[in-house]
Protein backbone atom coordinates (compact mmCIF):
# COMPACT_ATOMS: atom_id res chain seq x y z
CA MET A 1 15.01 41.74 -109.62
CA ALA A 2 11.94 43.96 -109.99
CA LYS A 3 9.49 43.60 -112.86
CA VAL A 4 7.64 46.59 -114.35
CA VAL A 5 4.81 45.97 -116.81
CA VAL A 6 3.65 48.76 -119.12
CA LEU A 7 0.28 48.36 -120.84
CA GLY A 8 0.34 50.25 -124.12
CA ALA A 9 3.04 51.54 -126.47
CA GLY A 10 1.72 54.90 -127.55
CA VAL A 11 3.39 58.20 -126.75
CA SER A 12 3.00 57.80 -122.98
CA GLY A 13 3.62 54.05 -122.70
CA HIS A 14 6.59 54.03 -125.08
CA THR A 15 8.16 57.02 -123.34
CA CYS A 16 7.63 55.37 -119.96
CA ALA A 17 9.15 52.07 -121.08
CA SER A 18 12.18 53.74 -122.67
CA PHE A 19 13.07 55.69 -119.52
CA LEU A 20 12.38 52.70 -117.28
CA LYS A 21 14.87 50.59 -119.21
CA LYS A 22 17.44 53.38 -119.37
CA LYS A 23 17.27 53.89 -115.60
CA LEU A 24 16.88 50.26 -114.48
CA GLY A 25 19.27 48.60 -116.94
CA LYS A 26 19.71 44.84 -117.14
CA GLN A 27 19.26 44.34 -113.40
CA HIS A 28 15.48 44.69 -113.67
CA GLU A 29 12.81 43.59 -116.13
CA VAL A 30 10.62 45.85 -118.23
CA VAL A 31 7.69 44.30 -120.12
CA VAL A 32 5.56 46.15 -122.69
CA ILE A 33 2.17 44.75 -123.67
CA SER A 34 0.46 46.34 -126.66
CA PRO A 35 -2.13 45.01 -129.13
CA ASN A 36 -0.39 46.87 -131.96
CA SER A 37 2.86 45.77 -133.58
CA TYR A 38 3.72 49.35 -134.58
CA TYR A 39 4.54 52.59 -132.84
CA GLN A 40 2.86 55.48 -134.62
CA TRP A 41 3.56 59.19 -134.39
CA ILE A 42 -0.08 60.28 -134.35
CA PRO A 43 0.42 64.04 -135.01
CA SER A 44 1.73 63.22 -138.50
CA ASN A 45 -1.38 61.22 -139.41
CA ILE A 46 -2.70 64.56 -140.67
CA TRP A 47 -0.12 64.48 -143.48
CA VAL A 48 -1.06 60.91 -144.31
CA GLY A 49 -4.65 62.11 -144.60
CA VAL A 50 -3.72 64.56 -147.36
CA GLY A 51 -1.22 62.36 -149.18
CA HIS A 52 2.04 63.99 -148.12
CA MET A 53 3.23 61.03 -146.07
CA THR A 54 2.66 57.30 -146.35
CA ILE A 55 1.71 54.95 -143.55
CA ASP A 56 5.32 53.79 -143.24
CA ASP A 57 6.48 57.40 -142.80
CA VAL A 58 4.61 57.63 -139.48
CA ARG A 59 5.20 54.19 -137.94
CA PHE A 60 7.86 51.60 -137.13
CA LYS A 61 7.91 48.07 -135.76
CA LEU A 62 8.06 47.96 -131.97
CA LYS A 63 9.74 44.57 -131.60
CA LYS A 64 12.93 45.62 -133.37
CA VAL A 65 13.38 48.59 -131.03
CA TYR A 66 12.45 46.68 -127.88
CA ASP A 67 14.78 43.81 -128.75
CA ARG A 68 17.63 46.31 -129.05
CA TRP A 69 16.72 47.89 -125.73
CA GLY A 70 16.28 44.59 -123.91
CA ILE A 71 12.57 45.10 -123.25
CA ASP A 72 10.27 42.07 -123.26
CA TYR A 73 7.52 42.86 -125.77
CA LYS A 74 4.21 41.02 -126.06
CA GLN A 75 1.77 41.86 -128.84
CA ALA A 76 -1.41 41.42 -126.86
CA LYS A 77 -4.24 43.36 -125.31
CA ALA A 78 -4.70 43.58 -121.56
CA VAL A 79 -8.04 42.19 -120.44
CA SER A 80 -8.08 42.35 -116.64
CA ILE A 81 -6.00 43.52 -113.69
CA HIS A 82 -5.62 41.49 -110.49
CA PRO A 83 -3.75 43.83 -108.13
CA GLU A 84 -3.75 41.42 -105.18
CA GLY A 85 -3.13 38.21 -107.11
CA ASP A 86 -5.38 35.27 -106.29
CA ALA A 87 -5.32 31.89 -104.60
CA ASN A 88 -2.69 30.64 -107.06
CA ILE A 89 -0.59 33.76 -107.72
CA SER A 90 0.64 35.71 -104.72
CA LYS A 91 1.51 38.96 -106.50
CA GLY A 92 -0.36 41.32 -108.79
CA TYR A 93 -0.85 40.22 -112.38
CA VAL A 94 -2.66 41.10 -115.60
CA THR A 95 -4.50 38.75 -117.93
CA ILE A 96 -3.66 39.32 -121.58
CA GLU A 97 -4.91 38.04 -124.93
CA TYR A 98 -2.44 37.84 -127.81
CA THR A 99 -3.26 39.66 -131.06
CA ASP A 100 -0.37 38.60 -133.31
CA GLU A 101 -1.05 36.07 -136.08
CA GLU A 102 0.97 33.27 -134.50
CA HIS A 103 -0.65 33.39 -131.05
CA ALA A 104 -3.96 35.17 -131.76
CA GLY A 105 -6.57 34.42 -129.12
CA TYR A 106 -4.15 32.75 -126.71
CA THR A 107 -4.38 34.10 -123.15
CA GLU A 108 -1.86 34.16 -120.31
CA THR A 109 -1.12 35.94 -117.07
CA VAL A 110 1.79 38.32 -116.55
CA ASP A 111 2.80 39.17 -112.99
CA TYR A 112 4.38 42.46 -111.96
CA ASP A 113 5.93 44.44 -109.15
CA TYR A 114 4.82 47.71 -110.73
CA LEU A 115 2.13 48.25 -113.34
CA VAL A 116 1.66 51.25 -115.65
CA ASN A 117 -1.66 51.56 -117.45
CA ALA A 118 -0.89 53.48 -120.65
CA THR A 119 -3.57 51.85 -122.78
CA GLY A 120 -4.71 55.16 -124.28
CA PRO A 121 -8.26 55.70 -125.51
CA LYS A 122 -10.87 53.59 -127.16
CA LEU A 123 -12.10 55.42 -130.25
CA ASN A 124 -15.74 55.43 -129.23
CA PHE A 125 -17.36 55.72 -132.66
CA GLU A 126 -20.44 53.81 -131.52
CA ALA A 127 -21.31 56.65 -129.12
CA THR A 128 -22.56 58.53 -132.19
CA GLU A 129 -24.99 56.68 -134.42
CA GLY A 130 -23.55 56.11 -137.89
CA LEU A 131 -20.13 57.61 -137.09
CA GLY A 132 -16.87 56.06 -138.23
CA PRO A 133 -14.77 54.99 -141.24
CA ASP A 134 -16.71 51.73 -141.56
CA LYS A 135 -19.98 53.69 -141.63
CA ASN A 136 -20.67 57.23 -142.82
CA SER A 137 -17.67 59.39 -141.90
CA LEU A 138 -13.88 59.35 -141.95
CA SER A 139 -11.19 59.61 -139.29
CA VAL A 140 -7.48 60.46 -138.96
CA CYS A 141 -7.08 58.97 -135.48
CA THR A 142 -4.91 56.08 -136.74
CA TYR A 143 -2.57 55.75 -139.70
CA SER A 144 -4.94 53.34 -141.45
CA HIS A 145 -7.86 55.73 -140.91
CA ALA A 146 -5.78 58.58 -142.30
CA ALA A 147 -4.79 56.58 -145.38
CA HIS A 148 -8.47 55.82 -146.00
CA ALA A 149 -9.30 59.52 -145.63
CA TRP A 150 -6.71 60.35 -148.29
CA GLU A 151 -8.25 57.81 -150.67
CA GLU A 152 -11.64 59.46 -150.24
CA LEU A 153 -10.20 62.96 -150.47
CA GLN A 154 -8.65 62.11 -153.84
CA LYS A 155 -12.08 61.06 -155.09
CA SER A 156 -13.52 64.43 -154.06
CA ILE A 157 -10.62 66.24 -155.73
CA GLU A 158 -11.27 64.39 -158.98
CA LYS A 159 -14.95 65.28 -158.82
CA MET A 160 -14.08 68.95 -158.38
CA LYS A 161 -11.71 68.77 -161.34
CA ASN A 162 -14.61 67.43 -163.35
CA GLY A 163 -16.83 70.36 -162.38
CA GLN A 164 -18.73 68.80 -159.50
CA LYS A 165 -18.79 70.92 -156.34
CA GLN A 166 -17.95 69.19 -153.06
CA ARG A 167 -19.04 69.92 -149.50
CA PHE A 168 -16.49 69.15 -146.77
CA LEU A 169 -17.50 68.80 -143.12
CA ILE A 170 -14.66 68.42 -140.62
CA GLY A 171 -14.60 68.67 -136.82
CA THR A 172 -16.01 66.81 -133.82
CA GLY A 173 -18.45 63.94 -134.24
CA HIS A 174 -19.77 63.79 -130.68
CA ALA A 175 -21.14 66.34 -128.24
CA MET A 176 -18.28 65.68 -125.78
CA ALA A 177 -15.43 64.82 -128.15
CA THR A 178 -11.92 66.12 -127.57
CA CYS A 179 -8.92 66.39 -129.95
CA GLN A 180 -10.28 69.48 -131.69
CA GLY A 181 -6.67 70.36 -132.53
CA ALA A 182 -6.22 67.34 -134.82
CA ALA A 183 -9.45 68.04 -136.69
CA PHE A 184 -8.57 71.74 -136.92
CA GLU A 185 -5.19 70.95 -138.44
CA TYR A 186 -6.78 68.54 -140.87
CA ILE A 187 -9.33 71.03 -142.21
CA LEU A 188 -6.54 73.58 -142.78
CA ASN A 189 -4.52 70.97 -144.68
CA VAL A 190 -7.53 69.95 -146.77
CA ALA A 191 -8.21 73.61 -147.55
CA HIS A 192 -4.56 74.13 -148.48
CA GLU A 193 -4.58 71.14 -150.84
CA ILE A 194 -7.75 72.33 -152.54
CA SER A 195 -6.32 75.84 -152.90
CA ARG A 196 -2.99 74.53 -154.23
CA ARG A 197 -4.86 72.79 -157.02
CA GLY A 198 -6.86 75.92 -157.86
CA LEU A 199 -10.14 74.29 -156.84
CA SER A 200 -11.27 76.53 -153.99
CA HIS A 201 -14.21 77.79 -156.03
CA MET A 202 -15.48 74.20 -156.26
CA ALA A 203 -15.32 73.49 -152.51
CA GLU A 204 -17.46 74.45 -149.54
CA LEU A 205 -15.61 73.79 -146.30
CA THR A 206 -17.35 73.79 -142.92
CA TRP A 207 -15.84 73.38 -139.46
CA ILE A 208 -18.21 71.85 -136.89
CA SER A 209 -17.34 71.80 -133.20
CA ASN A 210 -18.78 71.27 -129.74
CA GLU A 211 -16.76 74.23 -128.47
CA TYR A 212 -18.68 77.17 -126.98
CA GLU A 213 -16.24 79.48 -128.74
CA LEU A 214 -13.73 78.48 -131.39
CA GLY A 215 -10.23 78.03 -130.01
CA ASP A 216 -11.48 76.35 -126.83
CA PHE A 217 -9.58 73.13 -127.71
CA GLY A 218 -10.83 71.50 -124.52
CA MET A 219 -8.73 73.90 -122.43
CA GLY A 220 -11.48 76.42 -121.81
CA GLY A 221 -9.85 78.60 -124.44
CA ALA A 222 -6.88 80.78 -123.62
CA PHE A 223 -5.37 84.21 -123.97
CA ILE A 224 -2.08 84.37 -125.83
CA LYS A 225 0.43 87.11 -126.49
CA ARG A 226 0.76 87.82 -130.19
CA GLY A 227 2.64 90.77 -131.66
CA GLY A 228 2.78 92.44 -128.27
CA TYR A 229 -1.00 92.21 -127.76
CA ILE A 230 -3.13 89.85 -125.68
CA THR A 231 -5.40 87.90 -128.03
CA PRO A 232 -8.04 85.27 -127.19
CA THR A 233 -7.60 81.95 -129.00
CA LYS A 234 -11.11 82.54 -130.37
CA VAL A 235 -9.77 85.34 -132.58
CA PHE A 236 -6.61 83.38 -133.37
CA THR A 237 -8.64 80.40 -134.57
CA GLU A 238 -11.35 82.29 -136.43
CA SER A 239 -8.74 84.28 -138.35
CA LEU A 240 -7.09 81.08 -139.62
CA LEU A 241 -10.40 79.62 -140.75
CA ALA A 242 -11.40 82.87 -142.42
CA GLU A 243 -8.08 83.01 -144.28
CA TYR A 244 -9.03 79.78 -146.03
CA GLY A 245 -12.67 80.71 -146.53
CA ILE A 246 -13.87 78.06 -144.09
CA LYS A 247 -17.34 78.47 -142.54
CA TRP A 248 -17.94 77.28 -138.99
CA ILE A 249 -20.62 75.81 -136.76
CA ARG A 250 -20.00 75.92 -133.01
CA ARG A 251 -21.82 74.74 -129.87
CA ALA A 252 -22.90 71.68 -131.86
CA GLY A 253 -23.37 68.16 -130.53
CA VAL A 254 -23.41 65.69 -133.42
CA TYR A 255 -25.62 62.76 -132.45
CA LYS A 256 -26.25 60.94 -135.75
CA VAL A 257 -24.48 60.62 -139.09
CA GLU A 258 -26.23 59.25 -142.14
CA PRO A 259 -24.85 58.98 -145.68
CA GLY A 260 -24.20 62.56 -146.75
CA VAL A 261 -25.74 64.27 -143.72
CA ALA A 262 -24.77 64.92 -140.09
CA HIS A 263 -27.46 65.66 -137.51
CA TYR A 264 -26.62 67.85 -134.53
CA GLU A 265 -28.19 69.70 -131.64
CA THR A 266 -27.14 73.17 -130.58
CA LEU A 267 -26.96 74.50 -127.04
CA ASP A 268 -30.11 76.46 -127.87
CA GLY A 269 -31.90 73.16 -128.43
CA GLU A 270 -32.21 73.44 -132.21
CA MET A 271 -32.08 70.12 -134.07
CA LEU A 272 -30.24 70.83 -137.32
CA SER A 273 -28.51 68.98 -140.15
CA GLN A 274 -25.48 69.62 -142.34
CA GLU A 275 -25.10 67.92 -145.70
CA PHE A 276 -21.69 66.80 -146.94
CA ASP A 277 -19.86 64.89 -149.64
CA PHE A 278 -16.77 64.33 -147.46
CA ALA A 279 -16.83 64.22 -143.64
CA MET A 280 -13.98 63.69 -141.19
CA LEU A 281 -15.37 63.75 -137.66
CA ILE A 282 -13.42 62.98 -134.48
CA PRO A 283 -15.16 60.47 -132.16
CA SER A 284 -15.45 60.66 -128.41
CA PHE A 285 -12.87 58.82 -126.31
CA SER A 286 -13.36 56.33 -123.50
CA GLY A 287 -11.07 53.99 -121.62
CA VAL A 288 -10.36 50.65 -123.29
CA GLY A 289 -12.54 48.72 -120.85
CA LEU A 290 -10.10 46.98 -118.53
CA THR A 291 -11.69 45.10 -115.64
CA ALA A 292 -10.24 44.60 -112.16
CA PHE A 293 -10.67 41.94 -109.48
CA ASP A 294 -9.52 41.55 -105.90
CA LYS A 295 -7.90 38.44 -104.42
CA SER A 296 -11.27 36.78 -103.81
CA GLY A 297 -12.39 37.36 -107.40
CA ASN A 298 -14.76 40.22 -106.58
CA ASP A 299 -15.16 42.79 -109.35
CA ILE A 300 -13.56 46.09 -108.24
CA THR A 301 -13.64 47.77 -111.66
CA ASP A 302 -15.95 50.57 -110.48
CA LYS A 303 -13.56 51.30 -107.61
CA MET A 304 -10.48 51.63 -109.82
CA PHE A 305 -12.13 53.26 -112.84
CA LEU A 306 -14.68 55.98 -113.49
CA PRO A 307 -17.78 55.17 -115.59
CA ASN A 308 -15.93 56.48 -118.66
CA LYS A 309 -13.47 53.59 -118.08
CA PHE A 310 -10.47 55.82 -117.35
CA MET A 311 -8.41 54.89 -114.28
CA LYS A 312 -8.67 56.89 -111.06
CA VAL A 313 -5.42 58.40 -109.81
CA ASP A 314 -4.30 60.92 -107.16
CA ALA A 315 -6.85 63.56 -108.17
CA ASP A 316 -9.77 65.16 -106.36
CA TYR A 317 -12.87 63.56 -107.89
CA THR A 318 -15.26 65.25 -105.48
CA ALA A 319 -18.37 66.50 -107.25
CA LYS A 320 -18.54 70.28 -106.93
CA PRO A 321 -19.70 73.30 -108.92
CA PHE A 322 -17.61 74.58 -111.83
CA GLY A 323 -16.65 77.71 -109.93
CA GLU A 324 -15.05 75.61 -107.18
CA TRP A 325 -12.78 73.62 -109.47
CA GLY A 326 -9.12 74.43 -109.00
CA ALA A 327 -5.58 73.61 -110.05
CA ASN A 328 -5.05 71.43 -106.98
CA ASP A 329 -7.76 69.01 -108.15
CA TRP A 330 -5.40 67.62 -110.80
CA PRO A 331 -3.09 64.64 -110.20
CA THR A 332 0.66 65.05 -109.81
CA ILE A 333 2.11 61.50 -109.69
CA TYR A 334 -0.68 59.45 -111.42
CA GLN A 335 -0.72 56.73 -108.79
CA THR A 336 -3.94 54.84 -108.10
CA PRO A 337 -5.29 55.52 -104.59
CA MET A 338 -6.03 51.84 -104.00
CA TYR A 339 -2.65 50.32 -104.92
CA SER A 340 0.70 52.06 -104.52
CA ASN A 341 2.35 50.05 -107.30
CA ILE A 342 -0.16 50.92 -110.07
CA TYR A 343 -0.05 54.07 -112.18
CA ALA A 344 -2.02 55.45 -115.14
CA ALA A 345 -0.26 57.47 -117.82
CA GLY A 346 -1.41 59.73 -120.64
CA ILE A 347 -4.98 59.39 -121.82
CA ALA A 348 -5.54 56.34 -119.58
CA PHE A 349 -5.85 58.43 -116.40
CA ALA A 350 -9.22 59.89 -115.45
CA PRO A 351 -9.29 63.71 -115.30
CA PRO A 352 -11.08 65.00 -112.18
CA HIS A 353 -13.29 67.28 -114.29
CA SER A 354 -13.38 69.08 -117.61
CA ILE A 355 -11.23 72.16 -118.20
CA SER A 356 -13.86 73.82 -120.37
CA LYS A 357 -17.03 74.93 -118.66
CA PRO A 358 -19.72 72.22 -118.84
CA MET A 359 -22.63 73.23 -121.05
CA THR A 360 -26.01 71.53 -121.40
CA SER A 361 -28.58 72.17 -124.10
CA VAL A 362 -32.14 73.08 -123.22
CA ASN A 363 -33.00 69.44 -124.01
CA GLY A 364 -30.45 68.10 -121.53
CA ARG A 365 -27.62 67.11 -123.90
CA GLN A 366 -24.12 67.94 -122.61
CA ILE A 367 -22.21 69.81 -125.33
CA PHE A 368 -18.63 70.74 -124.47
CA PRO A 369 -15.10 69.36 -125.04
CA THR A 370 -13.51 66.93 -122.62
CA PRO A 371 -9.88 67.51 -121.54
CA PRO A 372 -7.07 66.83 -124.04
CA ARG A 373 -4.15 64.73 -122.78
CA THR A 374 -2.42 63.83 -126.03
CA GLY A 375 1.10 64.60 -127.25
CA MET A 376 3.34 66.57 -124.94
CA PRO A 377 1.39 66.01 -121.68
CA SER A 378 1.27 62.25 -122.32
CA GLY A 379 5.01 62.10 -122.89
CA VAL A 380 5.80 64.13 -119.77
CA ILE A 381 3.50 61.99 -117.61
CA GLY A 382 5.02 58.77 -118.96
CA LYS A 383 8.51 60.05 -118.18
CA ILE A 384 7.87 61.14 -114.59
CA ILE A 385 6.15 57.84 -113.79
CA ALA A 386 9.19 55.99 -115.12
CA LEU A 387 11.59 58.15 -113.11
CA ASN A 388 9.61 57.69 -109.89
CA ILE A 389 9.28 53.92 -110.29
CA SER A 390 12.95 53.43 -111.17
CA GLU A 391 14.09 55.53 -108.20
CA GLN A 392 11.78 53.60 -105.86
CA ILE A 393 13.14 50.28 -107.10
CA LYS A 394 16.79 51.29 -106.93
CA GLY A 395 16.44 53.28 -103.71
CA ASN A 396 14.04 50.86 -102.00
CA HIS A 397 11.63 53.61 -100.99
CA LYS A 398 8.11 54.79 -101.84
CA GLU A 399 8.77 58.50 -102.31
CA HIS A 400 7.92 60.43 -105.48
CA HIS A 401 10.51 63.03 -106.41
CA HIS A 402 9.02 63.87 -109.81
CA LYS A 403 5.63 65.49 -110.38
CA ALA A 404 3.74 66.66 -113.45
CA SER A 405 0.36 68.25 -112.79
CA MET A 406 -1.35 69.55 -115.91
CA ALA A 407 -2.05 72.63 -113.78
CA ARG A 408 1.72 73.14 -113.48
CA MET A 409 2.67 71.97 -116.95
CA GLY A 410 2.81 73.91 -120.20
CA ALA A 411 2.03 72.63 -123.66
CA ALA A 412 3.06 73.59 -127.16
CA CYS A 413 0.91 73.04 -130.23
CA ILE A 414 1.92 73.56 -133.85
CA VAL A 415 -0.75 73.45 -136.53
CA SER A 416 0.74 73.16 -140.00
CA ALA A 417 -1.06 73.45 -143.32
CA GLY A 418 0.73 72.35 -146.47
CA PHE A 419 3.99 70.49 -146.90
CA GLY A 420 6.29 72.41 -149.23
CA SER A 421 9.33 74.37 -148.10
CA PHE A 422 7.86 77.75 -149.00
CA ASP A 423 4.11 77.32 -149.48
CA GLY A 424 3.09 76.00 -146.08
CA LEU A 425 1.60 77.81 -143.12
CA GLY A 426 2.26 77.11 -139.47
CA ALA A 427 0.39 78.39 -136.44
CA SER A 428 2.32 77.77 -133.23
CA MET A 429 0.86 78.28 -129.79
CA THR A 430 2.10 77.64 -126.26
CA VAL A 431 0.08 77.87 -123.06
CA PHE A 432 1.24 77.66 -119.47
CA PRO A 433 -0.27 75.96 -117.61
CA ILE A 434 -2.65 73.68 -119.52
CA VAL A 435 -5.23 73.82 -116.74
CA PRO A 436 -5.77 77.51 -115.90
CA ASP A 437 -4.87 78.56 -112.38
CA TRP A 438 -7.03 81.57 -111.55
CA GLU A 439 -5.60 81.89 -108.05
CA LYS A 440 -2.02 82.18 -109.24
CA TYR A 441 -2.82 84.10 -112.44
CA PRO A 442 -6.04 86.01 -111.58
CA GLU A 443 -6.06 88.22 -114.68
CA TRP A 444 -5.65 85.68 -117.48
CA GLY A 445 -5.62 82.27 -115.79
CA ARG A 446 -2.21 81.57 -117.29
CA ASP A 447 1.28 83.02 -117.33
CA MET A 448 1.33 85.37 -120.33
CA THR A 449 5.11 85.22 -120.50
CA TYR A 450 4.83 81.65 -121.77
CA SER A 451 1.39 81.78 -123.43
CA VAL A 452 2.14 83.00 -126.93
CA GLY A 453 1.05 82.42 -130.50
CA GLU A 454 2.44 83.18 -133.94
CA VAL A 455 1.50 82.41 -137.54
CA GLY A 456 4.05 82.00 -140.33
CA LEU A 457 6.24 79.72 -142.39
CA ALA A 458 8.65 79.15 -139.48
CA GLY A 459 6.00 77.22 -137.56
CA HIS A 460 5.48 74.99 -140.60
CA TRP A 461 9.21 74.22 -140.80
CA LEU A 462 9.30 73.49 -137.07
CA LYS A 463 6.41 71.01 -137.35
CA PHE A 464 8.23 69.21 -140.15
CA MET A 465 11.50 69.02 -138.18
CA LEU A 466 9.72 67.80 -135.04
CA HIS A 467 8.38 64.81 -136.95
CA TYR A 468 11.92 63.52 -137.54
CA LEU A 469 13.19 64.65 -134.15
CA PHE A 470 10.53 62.68 -132.27
CA PHE A 471 11.05 59.64 -134.48
CA HIS A 472 14.73 59.80 -133.55
CA LYS A 473 13.72 59.86 -129.91
CA ALA A 474 11.13 57.08 -130.20
CA LYS A 475 13.60 54.77 -131.97
CA GLY A 476 16.17 55.29 -129.23
CA TYR A 477 18.87 56.66 -131.48
CA PRO A 478 21.96 58.30 -129.90
CA PHE A 479 21.17 60.87 -127.20
CA TRP A 480 17.41 60.30 -127.61
CA TYR A 481 16.90 61.06 -123.92
CA LEU A 482 18.09 64.65 -124.40
CA ILE A 483 15.14 65.47 -126.64
CA PRO A 484 12.33 66.92 -124.48
CA GLU A 485 8.82 65.53 -124.44
């Protein structure tokens, strides 16, 4: 019997575990270790943040699902990886610390034949002074953060009703933050809610971003086909903001947030400030901080992880100029180079470089988005890792028949504003591939047949339906495996 341990139960880890168990059945053991007792569908946190969904609409208990599937679930956080075992344990193992109420603080070791690191990101609020929901800004990165944002948004709405104007600042809260898409969707939803209540004249909404041009989204921007014409995502994005009367600040690296004011530096080296009454700013991401040790107890963390604490995989991490970066630099199987039985899925893997062009201010501050790996890419990566591991176990081989390079993978994004059946707005966009391949597609960097964008009510309906479709899949209901990532 083989034993596969999955660290993390987010989109990538949960997808990986579900396919592992489906393929391996009762003959092999699948263990999921996650510090959280719930699975959450993060894209719908936006609706929690504007009061259209509750916390329980976007989450469910993991144990109930894993018990039904026959997966061993441990509510704990992984602390360290020991790929070679030690003097007492002959095989690889991880050290974990329980986080549930009954066993909180208790530690144990869990051995494995295969290990999948799907721990996701650490929300690195401390990288920006004063940033975070326990300090001077809000977040929608978790369901509890989103619920808190809705509480604060209601206060601002009441103030506007009472004749007090409110200034809203939404976007990225660090010079190298990613997840612009989530913040972008949130500001559109906030604007829609304010408009629906007839309070637009009482609100000043400002989008702040580290993007060189709006619509970069950490992908270096894109060209999309819309209405038969090729349109840059810059125009696509600016038109949506303008429709809601939203101002924007770009090329901005927020470095400090104080009560009611965010301080930022521009690429031109200007040190500026933006006042606010309500601020939702996305933090930077880092790895969760796993450590690693060899059989003799020597620390090998810096060999398995980059300084940003994301795990190295089968990518080309060679330092080279931006113009020499290429599609082949990106990983395809997400296997660590040091150990053939360890993989990193979703946000946990270390990208070889940014997709957007690196930019540095005249004062030396790097201001540009880091690569996005959330949602669809995370699910696809989790699935192909599961398929490769299960085939290796059952076929007793080390081959990888499934690959998923982000330079060969497309992604779909739907930004929805509003919640009603007829008063919402949806902007849908697909790009292929995520990482542009200028050798294969020299004119646009991407295949324009599959890089398209549209705005309309249909996209809003689709976003709403996908919420329930992906919950069906995540809960393992009948034919869940037929629903694509």
